[in-house]
Every structure is written in structure tokens, then in C-alpha cells.
Amino acid sequence: MILYPSVDELLERVDSRYSLIMLASKRAHELDAGARPMLSEYESVKSVGRALEEIVAGDLKIKSVGEEG
């Protein structure tokens, strides 16, 4: 069970549960493959938990269609 970050906090950053799951999943795979961490410290030791922490911190966002960067 996830205690931190809460689903409510996460859904303030991402518009739907589906988008949240897809974003966290992709980022977790990146972290497992050796991607550079976005935060200096994490509460979670698992990649999915770390991805969720990055989302709630505002460091990881979904790009809108047509958005550059």
C-alpha cells in the first residue's frame, strides 16, 4: 500500500489515474535502466515509488501535444 505520496496529491499533478499510471510506469523503467534521479533524496527504495515522488515534487510532468521540450 502506498502511503506517500497520496493518490490525492498525485492527481493534483496529473489529470487522470490512467495518465498517472503511464507516467509512473515509464519513469520507473527509465530509473531501472539507469536514468539519472531527479531528486536528491527519496523515501522509497523501489523505482515506482521514486517515480511517484518525482511526480508529486513537480519534477516529472506529462507533455501536452504540441508542447516543446
C-alpha atoms as a PDB file:
ATOM      1  CA  MET A   1       0.000   0.000   0.000  1.00  0.00           C
ATOM      2  CA  ILE A   2       1.295   3.440  -0.913  1.00  0.00           C
ATOM      3  CA  LEU A   3       1.247   5.919   1.969  1.00  0.00           C
ATOM      4  CA  TYR A   4       3.411   8.618   0.425  1.00  0.00           C
ATOM      5  CA  PRO A   5       2.739  10.269  -1.868  1.00  0.00           C
ATOM      6  CA  SER A   6      -1.029  10.034  -1.566  1.00  0.00           C
ATOM      7  CA  VAL A   7      -3.187   9.447  -4.630  1.00  0.00           C
ATOM      8  CA  ASP A   8      -4.930  12.773  -3.997  1.00  0.00           C
ATOM      9  CA  GLU A   9      -1.599  14.627  -4.079  1.00  0.00           C
ATOM     10  CA  LEU A  10      -0.612  12.824  -7.266  1.00  0.00           C
ATOM     11  CA  LEU A  11      -3.913  13.561  -9.012  1.00  0.00           C
ATOM     12  CA  GLU A  12      -3.370  17.275  -8.332  1.00  0.00           C
ATOM     13  CA  ARG A  13      -0.323  16.991 -10.644  1.00  0.00           C
ATOM     14  CA  VAL A  14      -1.743  14.639 -13.308  1.00  0.00           C
ATOM     15  CA  ASP A  15      -5.198  14.868 -14.865  1.00  0.00           C
ATOM     16  CA  SER A  16      -6.228  11.188 -14.706  1.00  0.00           C
ATOM     17  CA  ARG A  17      -5.370   7.922 -12.997  1.00  0.00           C
ATOM     18  CA  TYR A  18      -4.503   6.394 -16.376  1.00  0.00           C
ATOM     19  CA  SER A  19      -2.027   9.189 -17.132  1.00  0.00           C
ATOM     20  CA  LEU A  20      -0.562   8.837 -13.653  1.00  0.00           C
ATOM     21  CA  ILE A  21      -0.009   5.100 -14.096  1.00  0.00           C
ATOM     22  CA  MET A  22       1.528   5.514 -17.552  1.00  0.00           C
ATOM     23  CA  LEU A  23       3.854   8.321 -16.437  1.00  0.00           C
ATOM     24  CA  ALA A  24       4.999   6.481 -13.303  1.00  0.00           C
ATOM     25  CA  SER A  25       5.497   3.239 -15.224  1.00  0.00           C
ATOM     26  CA  LYS A  26       7.607   4.835 -17.960  1.00  0.00           C
ATOM     27  CA  ARG A  27       9.724   6.717 -15.443  1.00  0.00           C
ATOM     28  CA  ALA A  28      10.200   3.594 -13.300  1.00  0.00           C
ATOM     29  CA  HIS A  29      11.509   1.737 -16.361  1.00  0.00           C
ATOM     30  CA  GLU A  30      13.886   4.632 -17.062  1.00  0.00           C
ATOM     31  CA  LEU A  31      15.158   4.537 -13.475  1.00  0.00           C
ATOM     32  CA  ASP A  32      15.640   0.757 -13.676  1.00  0.00           C
ATOM     33  CA  ALA A  33      17.642   1.266 -16.880  1.00  0.00           C
ATOM     34  CA  GLY A  34      19.993   3.686 -15.100  1.00  0.00           C
ATOM     35  CA  ALA A  35      18.424   7.100 -15.734  1.00  0.00           C
ATOM     36  CA  ARG A  36      19.654   9.944 -13.575  1.00  0.00           C
ATOM     37  CA  PRO A  37      17.482  10.589 -10.485  1.00  0.00           C
ATOM     38  CA  MET A  38      15.605  13.908 -10.418  1.00  0.00           C
ATOM     39  CA  LEU A  39      15.562  14.244  -6.620  1.00  0.00           C
ATOM     40  CA  SER A  40      18.496  14.301  -4.215  1.00  0.00           C
ATOM     41  CA  GLU A  41      16.731  12.020  -1.701  1.00  0.00           C
ATOM     42  CA  TYR A  42      13.895   9.504  -1.918  1.00  0.00           C
ATOM     43  CA  GLU A  43      11.762   7.867   0.754  1.00  0.00           C
ATOM     44  CA  SER A  44      11.139   4.826  -1.448  1.00  0.00           C
ATOM     45  CA  VAL A  45      13.749   2.275  -2.460  1.00  0.00           C
ATOM     46  CA  LYS A  46      11.662   0.979  -5.374  1.00  0.00           C
ATOM     47  CA  SER A  47      11.637   2.633  -8.789  1.00  0.00           C
ATOM     48  CA  VAL A  48       7.843   3.050  -8.984  1.00  0.00           C
ATOM     49  CA  GLY A  49       7.790   4.773  -5.592  1.00  0.00           C
ATOM     50  CA  ARG A  50      10.637   7.022  -6.695  1.00  0.00           C
ATOM     51  CA  ALA A  51       8.783   7.913  -9.885  1.00  0.00           C
ATOM     52  CA  LEU A  52       5.704   8.837  -7.846  1.00  0.00           C
ATOM     53  CA  GLU A  53       7.837  11.010  -5.569  1.00  0.00           C
ATOM     54  CA  GLU A  54       9.208  12.831  -8.632  1.00  0.00           C
ATOM     55  CA  ILE A  55       5.660  13.429  -9.872  1.00  0.00           C
ATOM     56  CA  VAL A  56       4.404  14.856  -6.568  1.00  0.00           C
ATOM     57  CA  ALA A  57       7.525  17.055  -6.328  1.00  0.00           C
ATOM     58  CA  GLY A  58       6.583  18.569  -9.689  1.00  0.00           C
ATOM     59  CA  ASP A  59       9.817  17.459 -11.366  1.00  0.00           C
ATOM     60  CA  LEU A  60       8.123  14.933 -13.647  1.00  0.00           C
ATOM     61  CA  LYS A  61       5.248  16.049 -15.866  1.00  0.00           C
ATOM     62  CA  ILE A  62       3.381  14.893 -18.946  1.00  0.00           C
ATOM     63  CA  LYS A  63       3.997  16.976 -22.043  1.00  0.00           C
ATOM     64  CA  SER A  64       0.871  18.158 -23.815  1.00  0.00           C
ATOM     65  CA  VAL A  65       0.507  17.538 -27.532  1.00  0.00           C
ATOM     66  CA  GLY A  66       2.446  20.227 -29.352  1.00  0.00           C
ATOM     67  CA  GLU A  67       4.440  21.210 -26.260  1.00  0.00           C
ATOM     68  CA  GLU A  68       8.170  21.528 -26.894  1.00  0.00           C
ATOM     69  CA  GLY A  69      10.980  20.347 -24.640  1.00  0.00           C
END
